[in-house]
N, C-alpha and C. Protein backbone atom coordinates (compact mmCIF):
# COMPACT_ATOMS: atom_id res chain seq x y z
N UNK A 1 -5.70 -50.96 21.62
CA UNK A 1 -6.23 -49.75 21.13
C UNK A 1 -5.19 -48.63 20.07
N UNK A 2 -6.05 -47.93 20.21
CA UNK A 2 -5.45 -46.52 18.90
C UNK A 2 -4.96 -45.52 19.47
N UNK A 3 -3.65 -44.86 19.82
CA UNK A 3 -3.05 -44.48 20.33
C UNK A 3 -3.24 -42.93 19.56
N UNK A 4 -3.87 -41.98 19.63
CA UNK A 4 -4.39 -40.85 19.18
C UNK A 4 -3.35 -39.59 19.96
N UNK A 5 -2.89 -38.90 19.12
CA UNK A 5 -2.12 -37.85 19.34
C UNK A 5 -2.79 -36.75 19.15
N UNK A 6 -4.14 -35.93 19.80
CA UNK A 6 -4.78 -34.79 19.47
C UNK A 6 -3.72 -33.59 19.37
N UNK A 7 -2.78 -33.35 19.78
CA UNK A 7 -2.51 -32.05 19.31
C UNK A 7 -1.82 -32.23 17.53
N UNK A 8 -1.44 -33.19 17.13
CA UNK A 8 -0.65 -34.01 15.87
C UNK A 8 -2.13 -33.45 15.14
N UNK A 9 -2.89 -33.43 15.34
CA UNK A 9 -4.50 -33.03 14.73
C UNK A 9 -4.38 -31.35 14.13
N UNK A 10 -4.38 -30.62 15.14
CA UNK A 10 -4.25 -29.28 14.80
C UNK A 10 -3.09 -28.75 14.40
N UNK A 11 -3.46 -27.35 13.68
CA UNK A 11 -2.25 -26.65 13.01
C UNK A 11 -1.48 -25.86 14.27
N UNK A 12 0.04 -26.09 14.11
CA UNK A 12 0.81 -25.04 15.15
C UNK A 12 0.95 -23.81 15.24
N UNK A 13 0.14 -23.33 15.84
CA UNK A 13 -0.29 -21.76 15.39
C UNK A 13 0.94 -20.98 15.01
N UNK A 14 1.93 -21.19 15.68
CA UNK A 14 3.29 -19.92 15.42
C UNK A 14 3.76 -20.84 14.26
N UNK A 15 3.86 -22.15 13.22
CA UNK A 15 4.56 -22.59 12.59
C UNK A 15 3.30 -21.67 11.42
N UNK A 16 2.11 -21.52 11.68
CA UNK A 16 1.23 -21.15 10.36
C UNK A 16 1.37 -19.55 10.01
N UNK A 17 1.71 -18.91 11.63
CA UNK A 17 1.65 -17.53 11.65
C UNK A 17 2.81 -17.14 10.69
N UNK A 18 3.98 -18.01 11.47
CA UNK A 18 5.23 -17.89 10.67
C UNK A 18 5.52 -17.65 9.24
N UNK A 19 4.61 -19.03 8.61
CA UNK A 19 4.57 -19.35 7.04
C UNK A 19 3.87 -18.05 6.41
N UNK A 20 2.78 -17.58 7.03
CA UNK A 20 1.69 -16.51 6.74
C UNK A 20 2.71 -15.15 6.74
N UNK A 21 3.50 -14.79 7.36
CA UNK A 21 4.07 -13.71 7.84
C UNK A 21 5.33 -13.75 6.90
N UNK A 22 5.79 -14.95 6.21
CA UNK A 22 7.22 -14.59 5.62
C UNK A 22 6.03 -15.04 3.81
N UNK A 23 5.14 -15.10 3.69
CA UNK A 23 4.63 -15.17 2.49
C UNK A 23 4.06 -13.70 2.15
N UNK A 24 3.25 -13.01 3.16
CA UNK A 24 3.14 -11.37 3.28
C UNK A 24 4.12 -10.58 2.90
N UNK A 25 5.28 -10.84 3.42
CA UNK A 25 6.66 -10.38 3.24
C UNK A 25 7.21 -10.57 2.07
N UNK A 26 7.23 -11.47 1.42
CA UNK A 26 7.86 -11.92 0.01
C UNK A 26 6.51 -11.36 -0.94
N UNK A 27 5.49 -11.41 -0.95
CA UNK A 27 4.33 -11.01 -1.92
C UNK A 27 4.40 -9.81 -2.27
N UNK A 28 4.64 -8.98 -0.84
CA UNK A 28 4.38 -7.35 -0.83
C UNK A 28 6.21 -6.63 -1.22
N UNK A 29 7.09 -7.72 -0.82
CA UNK A 29 8.57 -7.03 -1.21
C UNK A 29 8.47 -7.27 -2.84
N UNK A 30 7.75 -8.33 -3.24
CA UNK A 30 8.13 -8.65 -4.90
C UNK A 30 6.90 -7.35 -5.49
N UNK A 31 5.56 -7.22 -5.31
CA UNK A 31 4.74 -6.18 -5.70
C UNK A 31 5.54 -4.96 -5.40
N UNK A 32 6.08 -4.60 -4.33
CA UNK A 32 6.93 -3.06 -4.48
C UNK A 32 8.26 -3.24 -5.42
N UNK A 33 8.89 -4.16 -5.66
CA UNK A 33 10.00 -4.04 -6.69
C UNK A 33 9.26 -3.99 -7.91
N UNK A 34 8.14 -4.49 -8.38
CA UNK A 34 7.11 -4.34 -9.75
C UNK A 34 6.52 -2.96 -9.45
N UNK A 35 6.31 -2.33 -8.84
CA UNK A 35 5.90 -0.55 -8.91
C UNK A 35 6.97 -0.29 -9.20
N UNK A 36 7.99 -0.20 -8.24
CA UNK A 36 9.25 0.73 -8.30
C UNK A 36 9.72 0.45 -10.22
N UNK A 37 9.81 -0.25 -10.43
CA UNK A 37 10.42 -0.58 -11.68
C UNK A 37 9.64 -0.15 -12.68
N UNK A 38 8.08 -0.01 -12.59
CA UNK A 38 7.05 0.66 -13.46
C UNK A 38 7.50 1.93 -13.71
N UNK A 39 7.20 2.50 -12.01
CA UNK A 39 7.58 4.19 -11.95
C UNK A 39 8.75 4.44 -12.58
N UNK A 40 10.03 3.57 -12.60
CA UNK A 40 11.31 4.54 -13.23
C UNK A 40 11.30 4.59 -14.47
N UNK A 41 10.66 3.15 -14.84
CA UNK A 41 10.41 2.88 -16.69
C UNK A 41 9.65 4.26 -17.02
N UNK A 42 8.55 4.47 -16.27
CA UNK A 42 7.59 5.63 -17.16
C UNK A 42 8.37 7.14 -16.82
N UNK A 43 9.27 7.42 -16.85
CA UNK A 43 10.00 8.62 -16.47
C UNK A 43 11.03 8.20 -17.53
N UNK A 44 10.93 9.17 -18.65
CA UNK A 44 11.51 9.48 -19.69
C UNK A 44 12.86 10.50 -19.47
N UNK A 45 13.89 9.93 -20.11
CA UNK A 45 15.32 10.97 -20.01
C UNK A 45 15.72 11.80 -21.10
N UNK A 46 15.07 13.03 -20.89
CA UNK A 46 14.70 13.87 -22.08
C UNK A 46 14.99 15.12 -21.67
N UNK A 47 15.42 15.81 -22.45
CA UNK A 47 15.63 17.46 -21.97
C UNK A 47 14.05 18.34 -22.17
N UNK A 48 13.02 17.99 -22.94
CA UNK A 48 11.69 18.77 -23.16
C UNK A 48 11.04 18.54 -21.95
N UNK A 49 9.94 19.51 -21.45
CA UNK A 49 9.18 19.06 -20.21
C UNK A 49 8.07 18.30 -20.57
N UNK A 50 7.59 17.34 -19.61
CA UNK A 50 6.36 16.36 -19.86
C UNK A 50 5.01 17.41 -20.09
N UNK A 51 4.32 16.63 -20.55
CA UNK A 51 2.66 17.44 -20.35
C UNK A 51 2.12 16.72 -19.22
N UNK A 52 1.27 17.93 -18.89
CA UNK A 52 0.86 17.44 -17.74
C UNK A 52 -0.33 16.25 -17.54
N UNK A 53 -0.25 15.82 -16.65
CA UNK A 53 -1.39 14.50 -16.71
C UNK A 53 -0.13 13.41 -17.27
N UNK A 54 1.24 13.52 -17.84
CA UNK A 54 1.96 12.22 -18.13
C UNK A 54 2.73 12.31 -17.16
N UNK A 55 3.76 11.07 -17.10
CA UNK A 55 4.99 11.18 -16.16
C UNK A 55 6.11 11.91 -16.31
N UNK A 56 6.85 12.45 -15.56
CA UNK A 56 7.37 13.72 -15.56
C UNK A 56 8.92 13.16 -16.44
N UNK A 57 9.78 14.40 -17.07
CA UNK A 57 10.78 13.99 -17.67
C UNK A 57 11.42 13.88 -16.40
N UNK A 58 12.79 13.20 -16.55
CA UNK A 58 14.13 13.13 -15.97
C UNK A 58 15.37 13.93 -16.54
N UNK A 59 15.45 14.94 -16.42
CA UNK A 59 16.49 16.17 -16.75
C UNK A 59 18.52 15.49 -16.54
N UNK A 60 18.73 14.89 -15.56
CA UNK A 60 19.40 14.66 -14.84
C UNK A 60 19.55 13.15 -14.41
N UNK A 61 18.30 12.86 -14.18
CA UNK A 61 18.25 11.24 -13.43
C UNK A 61 17.87 11.31 -11.83
N UNK A 62 17.62 12.31 -11.88
CA UNK A 62 17.73 12.05 -10.24
C UNK A 62 16.93 11.71 -9.15
N UNK A 63 15.21 11.64 -9.98
CA UNK A 63 14.26 11.32 -9.68
C UNK A 63 13.95 9.93 -9.79
N UNK A 64 14.59 9.33 -10.77
CA UNK A 64 14.76 7.65 -11.08
C UNK A 64 15.45 6.87 -9.96
N UNK A 65 16.75 7.98 -9.74
CA UNK A 65 17.41 7.08 -8.64
C UNK A 65 17.01 7.16 -7.67
N UNK A 66 16.41 7.89 -6.98
CA UNK A 66 15.82 8.07 -5.57
C UNK A 66 14.32 7.70 -5.22
N UNK A 67 14.06 6.70 -6.25
CA UNK A 67 12.76 5.56 -5.76
C UNK A 67 13.42 4.24 -4.93
N UNK A 68 12.22 4.43 -4.14
CA UNK A 68 12.67 2.87 -3.54
C UNK A 68 11.62 2.50 -2.90
N UNK A 69 11.19 1.14 -2.32
CA UNK A 69 10.47 0.36 -1.43
C UNK A 69 11.05 0.00 -0.44
N UNK A 70 10.33 -0.50 0.37
CA UNK A 70 10.50 -1.24 1.69
C UNK A 70 9.49 -1.81 2.47
N UNK A 71 9.42 -2.98 3.01
CA UNK A 71 8.63 -3.68 3.58
C UNK A 71 8.40 -3.43 5.02
N UNK A 72 7.36 -2.86 5.43
CA UNK A 72 6.88 -2.72 7.31
C UNK A 72 6.79 -3.55 7.86
N UNK A 73 7.33 -4.54 8.56
CA UNK A 73 7.27 -5.34 9.24
C UNK A 73 6.07 -4.93 10.50
N UNK A 74 6.16 -4.44 10.88
CA UNK A 74 4.99 -3.88 12.02
C UNK A 74 3.74 -3.64 11.43
N UNK A 75 3.67 -3.02 10.02
CA UNK A 75 2.26 -2.46 9.75
C UNK A 75 1.78 -3.75 8.85
N UNK A 76 2.99 -4.78 8.05
CA UNK A 76 3.08 -5.68 7.26
C UNK A 76 2.60 -4.90 5.92
N UNK A 77 2.94 -4.43 5.90
CA UNK A 77 2.87 -3.40 4.08
C UNK A 77 3.64 -3.17 3.66
N UNK A 78 3.86 -2.44 2.41
CA UNK A 78 4.83 -2.19 1.67
C UNK A 78 5.15 -0.53 1.26
N UNK A 79 6.15 0.05 1.73
CA UNK A 79 6.39 1.49 0.91
C UNK A 79 6.71 1.58 0.01
N UNK A 80 6.07 2.30 -0.94
CA UNK A 80 6.78 2.88 -2.36
C UNK A 80 7.00 4.18 -2.63
N UNK A 81 8.44 4.34 -2.87
CA UNK A 81 7.90 5.93 -3.36
C UNK A 81 9.59 6.39 -3.73
N UNK A 82 9.93 7.76 -4.33
CA UNK A 82 10.87 8.63 -3.94
C UNK A 82 11.00 9.37 -2.72
N UNK A 83 12.52 9.46 -2.43
CA UNK A 83 12.88 9.91 -0.94
C UNK A 83 13.02 11.34 -1.21
N UNK A 84 12.89 12.15 -0.16
CA UNK A 84 13.11 13.32 -0.57
C UNK A 84 13.91 14.20 -1.56
N UNK A 85 14.08 15.12 -1.85
CA UNK A 85 15.14 15.72 -3.17
C UNK A 85 15.89 17.01 -1.81
N UNK A 86 17.03 16.47 -1.64
CA UNK A 86 17.69 17.13 -0.55
C UNK A 86 17.07 17.85 0.64
N UNK A 87 16.53 16.93 1.32
CA UNK A 87 15.29 17.12 2.74
C UNK A 87 14.10 17.77 2.30
N UNK A 88 14.05 18.11 0.86
CA UNK A 88 12.67 18.55 0.71
C UNK A 88 11.93 17.57 0.15
N UNK A 89 10.52 17.45 1.12
CA UNK A 89 9.81 15.86 0.49
C UNK A 89 8.47 16.64 -0.38
N UNK A 90 8.60 17.69 -0.29
CA UNK A 90 7.65 18.40 -1.35
C UNK A 90 7.80 18.02 -2.72
N UNK A 91 8.98 18.18 -3.36
CA UNK A 91 8.76 17.84 -4.66
C UNK A 91 8.31 16.54 -5.32
N UNK A 92 8.47 15.59 -4.83
CA UNK A 92 7.91 14.26 -5.65
C UNK A 92 6.38 14.60 -5.26
N UNK A 93 6.16 15.20 -4.06
CA UNK A 93 4.52 15.03 -4.23
C UNK A 93 4.12 16.27 -4.79
N UNK A 94 4.50 16.69 -5.27
CA UNK A 94 4.33 18.34 -6.42
C UNK A 94 3.85 17.71 -7.87
N UNK A 95 5.08 16.74 -7.83
CA UNK A 95 4.90 15.69 -9.47
C UNK A 95 3.28 15.12 -9.25
N UNK A 96 3.34 14.57 -8.35
CA UNK A 96 2.10 13.43 -7.96
C UNK A 96 0.95 14.13 -8.58
N UNK A 97 0.22 15.30 -7.33
CA UNK A 97 -1.13 15.94 -7.40
C UNK A 97 -0.66 16.86 -7.94
N UNK A 98 -1.84 18.06 -8.46
CA UNK A 98 -1.80 19.66 -8.61
C UNK A 98 -1.94 19.95 -7.54
N UNK A 99 -1.12 20.76 -7.19
CA UNK A 99 -0.63 21.65 -6.12
C UNK A 99 -0.71 23.26 -6.18
N UNK A 100 -1.22 23.81 -5.14
CA UNK A 100 -0.88 25.50 -5.50
C UNK A 100 -0.04 25.86 -3.99
N UNK A 101 1.05 26.18 -4.37
CA UNK A 101 2.07 26.25 -3.52
C UNK A 101 3.18 27.64 -3.22
N UNK A 102 3.03 28.15 -1.57
CA UNK A 102 3.74 29.20 -2.01
C UNK A 102 5.28 28.84 -1.77
N UNK A 103 6.37 29.85 -2.98
CA UNK A 103 7.89 29.75 -2.38
C UNK A 103 8.32 30.90 -2.41
N UNK A 104 9.39 30.67 -1.54
CA UNK A 104 10.32 32.15 -1.41
C UNK A 104 11.18 32.12 -2.97
N UNK A 105 10.89 32.90 -3.98
CA UNK A 105 12.11 33.09 -4.65
C UNK A 105 11.94 34.41 -5.33
N UNK A 106 12.90 34.81 -6.03
CA UNK A 106 13.05 35.91 -6.86
C UNK A 106 11.86 35.70 -7.96
N UNK A 107 11.21 36.79 -8.16
CA UNK A 107 9.86 36.92 -9.54
C UNK A 107 10.12 38.38 -9.91
N UNK A 108 9.79 38.11 -11.37
CA UNK A 108 9.92 39.63 -12.27
C UNK A 108 9.29 40.23 -11.29
N UNK A 109 9.93 41.92 -10.93
CA UNK A 109 8.90 42.71 -10.09
C UNK A 109 8.50 42.26 -9.06
N UNK A 110 9.01 41.56 -8.41
CA UNK A 110 9.22 40.99 -6.51
C UNK A 110 10.52 41.32 -6.11
N UNK A 111 10.58 41.52 -4.79
CA UNK A 111 11.81 41.36 -4.23
C UNK A 111 12.23 40.42 -3.75
N UNK A 112 13.75 40.25 -3.32
CA UNK A 112 14.20 39.14 -3.11
C UNK A 112 13.35 38.48 -1.94
N UNK A 113 13.12 36.78 -1.99
CA UNK A 113 12.83 36.44 -0.95
C UNK A 113 11.28 36.39 -0.26
N UNK A 114 10.59 37.30 -1.44
CA UNK A 114 9.26 37.74 -1.36
C UNK A 114 8.25 35.96 -1.57
N UNK A 115 7.42 35.90 -0.60
CA UNK A 115 6.29 34.27 -1.39
C UNK A 115 5.41 34.33 -2.68
N UNK A 116 5.81 34.01 -3.45
CA UNK A 116 5.23 33.87 -4.46
C UNK A 116 4.82 32.53 -4.70
N UNK A 117 3.32 32.49 -4.91
CA UNK A 117 2.21 31.61 -5.00
C UNK A 117 2.45 30.64 -6.65
N UNK A 118 3.23 29.27 -6.76
CA UNK A 118 2.80 28.90 -7.72
C UNK A 118 2.00 27.58 -8.03
N UNK A 119 1.34 27.51 -8.86
CA UNK A 119 0.58 26.29 -9.49
C UNK A 119 1.40 25.27 -10.32
N UNK A 120 0.84 24.24 -9.53
CA UNK A 120 1.90 22.65 -10.55
C UNK A 120 1.16 22.41 -10.41
N UNK A 121 0.86 21.72 -11.98
CA UNK A 121 0.20 20.31 -12.56
C UNK A 121 1.02 19.50 -12.23
N UNK A 122 -0.34 18.20 -12.34
CA UNK A 122 0.42 17.00 -11.80
C UNK A 122 1.15 16.21 -12.90
N UNK A 123 2.52 15.94 -12.68
CA UNK A 123 2.77 14.23 -13.39
C UNK A 123 2.97 13.16 -12.71
N UNK A 124 1.63 12.40 -12.43
CA UNK A 124 1.94 11.36 -12.32
C UNK A 124 2.56 10.08 -12.66
N UNK A 125 3.28 9.70 -11.64
CA UNK A 125 4.38 8.30 -12.20
C UNK A 125 4.13 7.00 -10.93
N UNK A 126 3.54 7.31 -9.87
CA UNK A 126 3.55 6.03 -8.75
C UNK A 126 2.37 5.78 -8.74
N UNK A 127 1.25 6.29 -8.84
CA UNK A 127 -0.16 6.11 -8.97
C UNK A 127 -0.35 5.01 -10.16
N UNK A 128 0.12 5.76 -11.42
CA UNK A 128 -0.09 5.11 -12.44
C UNK A 128 0.17 3.67 -12.28
N UNK A 129 1.77 3.36 -11.79
CA UNK A 129 2.55 2.53 -11.95
C UNK A 129 1.68 1.33 -10.78
N UNK A 130 1.25 1.74 -9.76
CA UNK A 130 0.78 0.85 -8.98
C UNK A 130 -0.54 0.40 -9.36
N UNK A 131 -1.42 1.27 -10.24
CA UNK A 131 -2.34 0.62 -10.82
C UNK A 131 -1.99 -0.49 -11.67
N UNK A 132 -0.97 0.02 -12.71
CA UNK A 132 -0.53 -1.05 -13.70
C UNK A 132 -0.10 -2.32 -13.09
N UNK A 133 0.15 -2.34 -11.87
CA UNK A 133 1.03 -3.55 -11.18
C UNK A 133 -0.12 -4.24 -10.23
N UNK A 134 -1.39 -3.27 -10.19
CA UNK A 134 -1.73 -4.33 -8.90
C UNK A 134 -2.62 -5.36 -9.44
N UNK A 135 -2.91 -6.08 -10.44
CA UNK A 135 -3.61 -6.75 -11.48
C UNK A 135 -2.76 -8.15 -11.21
N UNK A 136 -1.17 -8.11 -11.06
CA UNK A 136 -0.38 -9.06 -10.67
C UNK A 136 -0.61 -9.37 -9.30
N UNK A 137 -0.84 -8.67 -8.28
CA UNK A 137 -0.83 -9.03 -6.63
C UNK A 137 -1.27 -10.35 -6.51
N UNK A 138 -2.77 -10.56 -6.99
CA UNK A 138 -3.79 -11.92 -6.61
C UNK A 138 -2.51 -12.90 -7.08
N UNK A 139 -1.69 -12.82 -8.08
CA UNK A 139 -0.66 -14.16 -8.37
C UNK A 139 0.42 -14.17 -7.61
N UNK A 140 0.65 -13.04 -6.89
CA UNK A 140 1.76 -13.28 -5.83
C UNK A 140 1.52 -14.11 -4.67
N UNK A 141 0.15 -13.88 -4.33
CA UNK A 141 -0.33 -14.54 -3.05
C UNK A 141 -0.85 -15.94 -3.59
N UNK A 142 -0.82 -16.46 -4.90
CA UNK A 142 -1.56 -17.96 -5.23
C UNK A 142 -0.39 -18.66 -4.66
N UNK A 143 -0.41 -19.73 -3.69
CA UNK A 143 0.11 -20.84 -3.42
C UNK A 143 1.32 -20.62 -2.41
N UNK A 144 1.16 -18.93 -1.49
CA UNK A 144 2.55 -18.55 -0.98
C UNK A 144 2.94 -19.06 0.22
N UNK A 145 1.54 -19.67 0.76
CA UNK A 145 2.22 -20.26 2.10
C UNK A 145 1.96 -21.89 1.81
N UNK A 146 3.02 -22.12 2.57
CA UNK A 146 3.82 -23.43 2.16
C UNK A 146 3.88 -24.33 3.58
């Protein structure tokens, strides 16, 4: 008589989920690294101001040094982007999209501390980097679960 072990015919759920989670982490981490590097490479070091619609210029290198990525295991996603400048989260956001924002600064003919409305033209760098690297994502998943 043939002795069959039925359990051996099925996938072990814990092993399959573990392999899938590992593959997800690896693929998304690689994608995050690619997007981070592309974004950093798009920012030119120069004294001139970049044109609206082009990646920003880096005058002292701060923006390039503050771009990071991290894998979020709870959400099974990757977060890519710059850290806030001196606790001000709005600076990188102002570069990525057009904004009209109020700021306190001394302007001509205005008293000190008066709120002045400023218009910021977009100089995107993270969105275009992600779009450029998106085509690599399927190949990062190919044969990733072993």
